[in-house]
Amino acid sequence: MKTVSAREANQHFSRLLKAAAEGEDVVITRRGKPVAKLVAVAGPKIDAKRRAAIKRLMKMLRKGYDLGGLRIKREELYDR
């Protein structure tokens, strides 16, 4: 659980929203006393193992996957 001051929460609100959406609870304090808690509304929490698997999948998809077919460049299509 992350604890931040009201001033810091105001300055970095989008980062705190992202953290909450990723499953981290954020407590907001005023003068050192907790006054609010920012948590995700819905959706399953993604554990570290699943997050790592998603990261590996996205890396593989960006790289591409060779299915053994012909490789044709865009320029070659227009030369015909």
PDB file of N, CA and C in Angstrom:
ATOM      1  N   MET A   1       0.850  -1.168   0.000  1.00  0.00           N
ATOM      2  CA  MET A   1       0.000   0.000   0.000  1.00  0.00           C
ATOM      3  C   MET A   1       0.901   1.237   0.000  1.00  0.00           C
ATOM      4  N   LYS A   2       0.574   2.152  -0.868  1.00  0.00           N
ATOM      5  CA  LYS A   2       1.342   3.382  -1.023  1.00  0.00           C
ATOM      6  C   LYS A   2       0.640   4.506  -0.261  1.00  0.00           C
ATOM      7  N   THR A   3       1.423   5.348   0.417  1.00  0.00           N
ATOM      8  CA  THR A   3       0.874   6.487   1.151  1.00  0.00           C
ATOM      9  C   THR A   3       1.472   7.767   0.583  1.00  0.00           C
ATOM     10  N   VAL A   4       0.606   8.728   0.243  1.00  0.00           N
ATOM     11  CA  VAL A   4       1.063  10.006  -0.307  1.00  0.00           C
ATOM     12  C   VAL A   4       0.298  11.150   0.363  1.00  0.00           C
ATOM     13  N   SER A   5       0.920  12.319   0.358  1.00  0.00           N
ATOM     14  CA  SER A   5       0.250  13.500   0.905  1.00  0.00           C
ATOM     15  C   SER A   5      -0.775  14.021  -0.105  1.00  0.00           C
ATOM     16  N   ALA A   6      -1.682  14.852   0.361  1.00  0.00           N
ATOM     17  CA  ALA A   6      -2.696  15.437  -0.524  1.00  0.00           C
ATOM     18  C   ALA A   6      -2.026  16.265  -1.616  1.00  0.00           C
ATOM     19  N   ARG A   7      -0.978  16.982  -1.274  1.00  0.00           N
ATOM     20  CA  ARG A   7      -0.256  17.796  -2.257  1.00  0.00           C
ATOM     21  C   ARG A   7       0.359  16.909  -3.343  1.00  0.00           C
ATOM     22  N   GLU A   8       1.013  15.835  -2.919  1.00  0.00           N
ATOM     23  CA  GLU A   8       1.621  14.909  -3.884  1.00  0.00           C
ATOM     24  C   GLU A   8       0.557  14.230  -4.744  1.00  0.00           C
ATOM     25  N   ALA A   9      -0.576  13.877  -4.136  1.00  0.00           N
ATOM     26  CA  ALA A   9      -1.670  13.253  -4.884  1.00  0.00           C
ATOM     27  C   ALA A   9      -2.198  14.203  -5.951  1.00  0.00           C
ATOM     28  N   ASN A  10      -2.283  15.481  -5.615  1.00  0.00           N
ATOM     29  CA  ASN A  10      -2.750  16.486  -6.565  1.00  0.00           C
ATOM     30  C   ASN A  10      -1.770  16.631  -7.729  1.00  0.00           C
ATOM     31  N   GLN A  11      -0.481  16.615  -7.441  1.00  0.00           N
ATOM     32  CA  GLN A  11       0.536  16.814  -8.470  1.00  0.00           C
ATOM     33  C   GLN A  11       0.723  15.590  -9.365  1.00  0.00           C
ATOM     34  N   HIS A  12       0.508  14.394  -8.828  1.00  0.00           N
ATOM     35  CA  HIS A  12       0.781  13.161  -9.574  1.00  0.00           C
ATOM     36  C   HIS A  12      -0.463  12.278  -9.679  1.00  0.00           C
ATOM     37  N   PHE A  13      -1.609  12.898  -9.885  1.00  0.00           N
ATOM     38  CA  PHE A  13      -2.869  12.166  -9.876  1.00  0.00           C
ATOM     39  C   PHE A  13      -2.925  11.063 -10.932  1.00  0.00           C
ATOM     40  N   SER A  14      -2.466  11.344 -12.146  1.00  0.00           N
ATOM     41  CA  SER A  14      -2.552  10.331 -13.208  1.00  0.00           C
ATOM     42  C   SER A  14      -1.697   9.118 -12.868  1.00  0.00           C
ATOM     43  N   ARG A  15      -0.535   9.321 -12.265  1.00  0.00           N
ATOM     44  CA  ARG A  15       0.311   8.184 -11.848  1.00  0.00           C
ATOM     45  C   ARG A  15      -0.383   7.355 -10.779  1.00  0.00           C
ATOM     46  N   LEU A  16      -1.036   8.036  -9.843  1.00  0.00           N
ATOM     47  CA  LEU A  16      -1.738   7.323  -8.781  1.00  0.00           C
ATOM     48  C   LEU A  16      -2.932   6.550  -9.327  1.00  0.00           C
ATOM     49  N   LEU A  17      -3.618   7.113 -10.316  1.00  0.00           N
ATOM     50  CA  LEU A  17      -4.725   6.391 -10.947  1.00  0.00           C
ATOM     51  C   LEU A  17      -4.229   5.129 -11.625  1.00  0.00           C
ATOM     52  N   LYS A  18      -3.095   5.233 -12.304  1.00  0.00           N
ATOM     53  CA  LYS A  18      -2.513   4.072 -12.967  1.00  0.00           C
ATOM     54  C   LYS A  18      -2.143   3.001 -11.946  1.00  0.00           C
ATOM     55  N   ALA A  19      -1.532   3.418 -10.847  1.00  0.00           N
ATOM     56  CA  ALA A  19      -1.155   2.474  -9.793  1.00  0.00           C
ATOM     57  C   ALA A  19      -2.391   1.778  -9.234  1.00  0.00           C
ATOM     58  N   ALA A  20      -3.452   2.538  -8.996  1.00  0.00           N
ATOM     59  CA  ALA A  20      -4.690   1.953  -8.476  1.00  0.00           C
ATOM     60  C   ALA A  20      -5.299   0.981  -9.480  1.00  0.00           C
ATOM     61  N   ALA A  21      -5.273   1.341 -10.753  1.00  0.00           N
ATOM     62  CA  ALA A  21      -5.815   0.461 -11.790  1.00  0.00           C
ATOM     63  C   ALA A  21      -5.030  -0.841 -11.881  1.00  0.00           C
ATOM     64  N   GLU A  22      -3.755  -0.792 -11.539  1.00  0.00           N
ATOM     65  CA  GLU A  22      -2.913  -1.986 -11.569  1.00  0.00           C
ATOM     66  C   GLU A  22      -3.015  -2.796 -10.278  1.00  0.00           C
ATOM     67  N   GLY A  23      -3.872  -2.355  -9.356  1.00  0.00           N
ATOM     68  CA  GLY A  23      -4.127  -3.136  -8.153  1.00  0.00           C
ATOM     69  C   GLY A  23      -3.476  -2.629  -6.883  1.00  0.00           C
ATOM     70  N   GLU A  24      -2.740  -1.543  -6.947  1.00  0.00           N
ATOM     71  CA  GLU A  24      -2.097  -1.006  -5.750  1.00  0.00           C
ATOM     72  C   GLU A  24      -3.043  -0.034  -5.042  1.00  0.00           C
ATOM     73  N   ASP A  25      -3.209  -0.222  -3.740  1.00  0.00           N
ATOM     74  CA  ASP A  25      -4.022   0.701  -2.956  1.00  0.00           C
ATOM     75  C   ASP A  25      -3.182   1.924  -2.602  1.00  0.00           C
ATOM     76  N   VAL A  26      -3.787   3.112  -2.693  1.00  0.00           N
ATOM     77  CA  VAL A  26      -3.085   4.362  -2.400  1.00  0.00           C
ATOM     78  C   VAL A  26      -3.851   5.105  -1.307  1.00  0.00           C
ATOM     79  N   VAL A  27      -3.168   5.390  -0.207  1.00  0.00           N
ATOM     80  CA  VAL A  27      -3.770   6.150   0.891  1.00  0.00           C
ATOM     81  C   VAL A  27      -3.298   7.591   0.774  1.00  0.00           C
ATOM     82  N   ILE A  28      -4.249   8.520   0.834  1.00  0.00           N
ATOM     83  CA  ILE A  28      -3.948   9.946   0.736  1.00  0.00           C
ATOM     84  C   ILE A  28      -4.088  10.553   2.131  1.00  0.00           C
ATOM     85  N   THR A  29      -3.054  11.285   2.539  1.00  0.00           N
ATOM     86  CA  THR A  29      -3.049  11.872   3.879  1.00  0.00           C
ATOM     87  C   THR A  29      -3.117  13.392   3.826  1.00  0.00           C
ATOM     88  N   ARG A  30      -3.635  13.969   4.909  1.00  0.00           N
ATOM     89  CA  ARG A  30      -3.624  15.419   5.094  1.00  0.00           C
ATOM     90  C   ARG A  30      -3.019  15.674   6.467  1.00  0.00           C
ATOM     91  N   ARG A  31      -1.918  16.396   6.469  1.00  0.00           N
ATOM     92  CA  ARG A  31      -1.183  16.674   7.713  1.00  0.00           C
ATOM     93  C   ARG A  31      -0.817  15.384   8.445  1.00  0.00           C
ATOM     94  N   GLY A  32      -0.467  14.355   7.655  1.00  0.00           N
ATOM     95  CA  GLY A  32      -0.010  13.095   8.228  1.00  0.00           C
ATOM     96  C   GLY A  32      -1.097  12.121   8.636  1.00  0.00           C
ATOM     97  N   LYS A  33      -2.365  12.517   8.513  1.00  0.00           N
ATOM     98  CA  LYS A  33      -3.465  11.623   8.898  1.00  0.00           C
ATOM     99  C   LYS A  33      -4.178  11.122   7.644  1.00  0.00           C
ATOM    100  N   PRO A  34      -4.453   9.826   7.550  1.00  0.00           N
ATOM    101  CA  PRO A  34      -5.144   9.283   6.378  1.00  0.00           C
ATOM    102  C   PRO A  34      -6.560   9.845   6.257  1.00  0.00           C
ATOM    103  N   VAL A  35      -6.907  10.298   5.036  1.00  0.00           N
ATOM    104  CA  VAL A  35      -8.248  10.844   4.806  1.00  0.00           C
ATOM    105  C   VAL A  35      -8.969  10.161   3.646  1.00  0.00           C
ATOM    106  N   ALA A  36      -8.237   9.502   2.764  1.00  0.00           N
ATOM    107  CA  ALA A  36      -8.885   8.859   1.615  1.00  0.00           C
ATOM    108  C   ALA A  36      -8.051   7.675   1.158  1.00  0.00           C
ATOM    109  N   LYS A  37      -8.723   6.766   0.463  1.00  0.00           N
ATOM    110  CA  LYS A  37      -8.048   5.593  -0.083  1.00  0.00           C
ATOM    111  C   LYS A  37      -8.463   5.443  -1.540  1.00  0.00           C
ATOM    112  N   LEU A  38      -7.487   5.329  -2.427  1.00  0.00           N
ATOM    113  CA  LEU A  38      -7.728   5.189  -3.859  1.00  0.00           C
ATOM    114  C   LEU A  38      -7.495   3.722  -4.222  1.00  0.00           C
ATOM    115  N   VAL A  39      -8.561   3.049  -4.700  1.00  0.00           N
ATOM    116  CA  VAL A  39      -8.480   1.638  -5.068  1.00  0.00           C
ATOM    117  C   VAL A  39      -9.173   1.423  -6.406  1.00  0.00           C
ATOM    118  N   ALA A  40      -8.848   0.343  -7.074  1.00  0.00           N
ATOM    119  CA  ALA A  40      -9.498  -0.002  -8.333  1.00  0.00           C
ATOM    120  C   ALA A  40     -10.957  -0.364  -8.068  1.00  0.00           C
ATOM    121  N   VAL A  41     -11.832   0.004  -8.983  1.00  0.00           N
ATOM    122  CA  VAL A  41     -13.256  -0.253  -8.813  1.00  0.00           C
ATOM    123  C   VAL A  41     -13.609  -1.691  -9.150  1.00  0.00           C
ATOM    124  N   ALA A  42     -13.165  -2.151 -10.297  1.00  0.00           N
ATOM    125  CA  ALA A  42     -13.559  -3.491 -10.735  1.00  0.00           C
ATOM    126  C   ALA A  42     -12.426  -4.146 -11.500  1.00  0.00           C
ATOM    127  N   GLY A  43     -12.644  -5.382 -11.801  1.00  0.00           N
ATOM    128  CA  GLY A  43     -11.667  -6.116 -12.585  1.00  0.00           C
ATOM    129  C   GLY A  43     -10.747  -6.933 -11.707  1.00  0.00           C
ATOM    130  N   PRO A  44     -10.274  -8.035 -12.249  1.00  0.00           N
ATOM    131  CA  PRO A  44      -9.386  -8.888 -11.460  1.00  0.00           C
ATOM    132  C   PRO A  44      -8.009  -8.254 -11.280  1.00  0.00           C
ATOM    133  N   LYS A  45      -7.428  -8.504 -10.157  1.00  0.00           N
ATOM    134  CA  LYS A  45      -6.067  -8.041  -9.918  1.00  0.00           C
ATOM    135  C   LYS A  45      -5.126  -8.984 -10.661  1.00  0.00           C
ATOM    136  N   ILE A  46      -4.184  -8.417 -11.364  1.00  0.00           N
ATOM    137  CA  ILE A  46      -3.239  -9.219 -12.126  1.00  0.00           C
ATOM    138  C   ILE A  46      -1.993  -9.411 -11.280  1.00  0.00           C
ATOM    139  N   ASP A  47      -1.691 -10.665 -10.964  1.00  0.00           N
ATOM    140  CA  ASP A  47      -0.505 -10.930 -10.157  1.00  0.00           C
ATOM    141  C   ASP A  47       0.755 -10.813 -11.007  1.00  0.00           C
ATOM    142  N   ALA A  48       1.898 -10.846 -10.350  1.00  0.00           N
ATOM    143  CA  ALA A  48       3.182 -10.633 -11.024  1.00  0.00           C
ATOM    144  C   ALA A  48       3.453 -11.689 -12.094  1.00  0.00           C
ATOM    145  N   LYS A  49       3.056 -12.924 -11.834  1.00  0.00           N
ATOM    146  CA  LYS A  49       3.293 -14.014 -12.793  1.00  0.00           C
ATOM    147  C   LYS A  49       2.512 -13.778 -14.085  1.00  0.00           C
ATOM    148  N   ARG A  50       1.262 -13.385 -13.948  1.00  0.00           N
ATOM    149  CA  ARG A  50       0.436 -13.122 -15.136  1.00  0.00           C
ATOM    150  C   ARG A  50       0.918 -11.878 -15.886  1.00  0.00           C
ATOM    151  N   ARG A  51       1.308 -10.832 -15.147  1.00  0.00           N
ATOM    152  CA  ARG A  51       1.816  -9.612 -15.762  1.00  0.00           C
ATOM    153  C   ARG A  51       3.081  -9.908 -16.573  1.00  0.00           C
ATOM    154  N   ALA A  52       3.955 -10.788 -16.042  1.00  0.00           N
ATOM    155  CA  ALA A  52       5.171 -11.175 -16.766  1.00  0.00           C
ATOM    156  C   ALA A  52       4.823 -11.944 -18.035  1.00  0.00           C
ATOM    157  N   ALA A  53       3.803 -12.810 -17.966  1.00  0.00           N
ATOM    158  CA  ALA A  53       3.386 -13.577 -19.140  1.00  0.00           C
ATOM    159  C   ALA A  53       2.827 -12.644 -20.220  1.00  0.00           C
ATOM    160  N   ILE A  54       2.057 -11.651 -19.818  1.00  0.00           N
ATOM    161  CA  ILE A  54       1.508 -10.679 -20.769  1.00  0.00           C
ATOM    162  C   ILE A  54       2.635  -9.891 -21.418  1.00  0.00           C
ATOM    163  N   LYS A  55       3.634  -9.525 -20.629  1.00  0.00           N
ATOM    164  CA  LYS A  55       4.776  -8.776 -21.149  1.00  0.00           C
ATOM    165  C   LYS A  55       5.538  -9.604 -22.190  1.00  0.00           C
ATOM    166  N   ARG A  56       5.756 -10.907 -21.890  1.00  0.00           N
ATOM    167  CA  ARG A  56       6.440 -11.787 -22.855  1.00  0.00           C
ATOM    168  C   ARG A  56       5.628 -11.931 -24.136  1.00  0.00           C
ATOM    169  N   LEU A  57       4.310 -12.073 -24.017  1.00  0.00           N
ATOM    170  CA  LEU A  57       3.447 -12.206 -25.181  1.00  0.00           C
ATOM    171  C   LEU A  57       3.497 -10.961 -26.045  1.00  0.00           C
ATOM    172  N   MET A  58       3.407  -9.781 -25.427  1.00  0.00           N
ATOM    173  CA  MET A  58       3.438  -8.540 -26.190  1.00  0.00           C
ATOM    174  C   MET A  58       4.779  -8.366 -26.902  1.00  0.00           C
ATOM    175  N   LYS A  59       5.861  -8.764 -26.254  1.00  0.00           N
ATOM    176  CA  LYS A  59       7.189  -8.682 -26.871  1.00  0.00           C
ATOM    177  C   LYS A  59       7.240  -9.583 -28.104  1.00  0.00           C
ATOM    178  N   MET A  60       6.706 -10.806 -27.983  1.00  0.00           N
ATOM    179  CA  MET A  60       6.691 -11.741 -29.106  1.00  0.00           C
ATOM    180  C   MET A  60       5.815 -11.211 -30.247  1.00  0.00           C
ATOM    181  N   LEU A  61       4.670 -10.634 -29.915  1.00  0.00           N
ATOM    182  CA  LEU A  61       3.770 -10.120 -30.950  1.00  0.00           C
ATOM    183  C   LEU A  61       4.383  -8.939 -31.691  1.00  0.00           C
ATOM    184  N   ARG A  62       5.111  -8.081 -30.968  1.00  0.00           N
ATOM    185  CA  ARG A  62       5.764  -6.940 -31.625  1.00  0.00           C
ATOM    186  C   ARG A  62       6.863  -7.409 -32.566  1.00  0.00           C
ATOM    187  N   LYS A  63       7.568  -8.467 -32.155  1.00  0.00           N
ATOM    188  CA  LYS A  63       8.652  -9.014 -32.974  1.00  0.00           C
ATOM    189  C   LYS A  63       8.090  -9.699 -34.214  1.00  0.00           C
ATOM    190  N   GLY A  64       6.960 -10.336 -34.078  1.00  0.00           N
ATOM    191  CA  GLY A  64       6.357 -11.075 -35.181  1.00  0.00           C
ATOM    192  C   GLY A  64       6.646 -12.557 -35.037  1.00  0.00           C
ATOM    193  N   TYR A  65       5.875 -13.352 -35.710  1.00  0.00           N
ATOM    194  CA  TYR A  65       6.017 -14.789 -35.620  1.00  0.00           C
ATOM    195  C   TYR A  65       6.011 -15.356 -37.026  1.00  0.00           C
ATOM    196  N   ASP A  66       7.086 -16.017 -37.398  1.00  0.00           N
ATOM    197  CA  ASP A  66       7.240 -16.555 -38.749  1.00  0.00           C
ATOM    198  C   ASP A  66       6.413 -17.828 -38.892  1.00  0.00           C
ATOM    199  N   LEU A  67       5.483 -17.823 -39.814  1.00  0.00           N
ATOM    200  CA  LEU A  67       4.651 -18.992 -40.074  1.00  0.00           C
ATOM    201  C   LEU A  67       5.159 -19.801 -41.258  1.00  0.00           C
ATOM    202  N   GLY A  68       6.331 -19.439 -41.785  1.00  0.00           N
ATOM    203  CA  GLY A  68       6.935 -20.193 -42.865  1.00  0.00           C
ATOM    204  C   GLY A  68       6.456 -19.803 -44.249  1.00  0.00           C
ATOM    205  N   GLY A  69       5.685 -18.775 -44.368  1.00  0.00           N
ATOM    206  CA  GLY A  69       5.159 -18.342 -45.657  1.00  0.00           C
ATOM    207  C   GLY A  69       6.114 -17.421 -46.382  1.00  0.00           C
ATOM    208  N   LEU A  70       5.680 -16.944 -47.522  1.00  0.00           N
ATOM    209  CA  LEU A  70       6.482 -16.006 -48.307  1.00  0.00           C
ATOM    210  C   LEU A  70       6.560 -14.668 -47.590  1.00  0.00           C
ATOM    211  N   ARG A  71       7.711 -14.063 -47.677  1.00  0.00           N
ATOM    212  CA  ARG A  71       7.870 -12.718 -47.129  1.00  0.00           C
ATOM    213  C   ARG A  71       7.892 -11.751 -48.302  1.00  0.00           C
ATOM    214  N   ILE A  72       6.896 -10.924 -48.383  1.00  0.00           N
ATOM    215  CA  ILE A  72       6.790  -9.965 -49.476  1.00  0.00           C
ATOM    216  C   ILE A  72       6.828  -8.569 -48.871  1.00  0.00           C
ATOM    217  N   LYS A  73       7.695  -7.756 -49.404  1.00  0.00           N
ATOM    218  CA  LYS A  73       7.776  -6.381 -48.941  1.00  0.00           C
ATOM    219  C   LYS A  73       6.704  -5.548 -49.625  1.00  0.00           C
ATOM    220  N   ARG A  74       6.310  -4.497 -48.988  1.00  0.00           N
ATOM    221  CA  ARG A  74       5.250  -3.631 -49.503  1.00  0.00           C
ATOM    222  C   ARG A  74       5.602  -3.103 -50.892  1.00  0.00           C
ATOM    223  N   GLU A  75       6.852  -2.715 -51.077  1.00  0.00           N
ATOM    224  CA  GLU A  75       7.281  -2.172 -52.361  1.00  0.00           C
ATOM    225  C   GLU A  75       7.136  -3.196 -53.479  1.00  0.00           C
ATOM    226  N   GLU A  76       7.353  -4.467 -53.161  1.00  0.00           N
ATOM    227  CA  GLU A  76       7.251  -5.526 -54.167  1.00  0.00           C
ATOM    228  C   GLU A  76       5.815  -5.699 -54.660  1.00  0.00           C
ATOM    229  N   LEU A  77       4.861  -5.428 -53.813  1.00  0.00           N
ATOM    230  CA  LEU A  77       3.464  -5.557 -54.222  1.00  0.00           C
ATOM    231  C   LEU A  77       3.107  -4.572 -55.324  1.00  0.00           C
ATOM    232  N   TYR A  78       3.696  -3.390 -55.251  1.00  0.00           N
ATOM    233  CA  TYR A  78       3.362  -2.335 -56.221  1.00  0.00           C
ATOM    234  C   TYR A  78       4.209  -2.400 -57.467  1.00  0.00           C
ATOM    235  N   ASP A  79       5.286  -3.201 -57.460  1.00  0.00           N
ATOM    236  CA  ASP A  79       6.136  -3.335 -58.638  1.00  0.00           C
ATOM    237  C   ASP A  79       5.524  -4.266 -59.674  1.00  0.00           C
ATOM    238  N   ARG A  80       4.590  -5.088 -59.298  1.00  0.00           N
ATOM    239  CA  ARG A  80       4.012  -6.087 -60.208  1.00  0.00           C
ATOM    240  C   ARG A  80       3.067  -5.481 -61.185  1.00  0.00           C
TER     241      ARG A  80
END
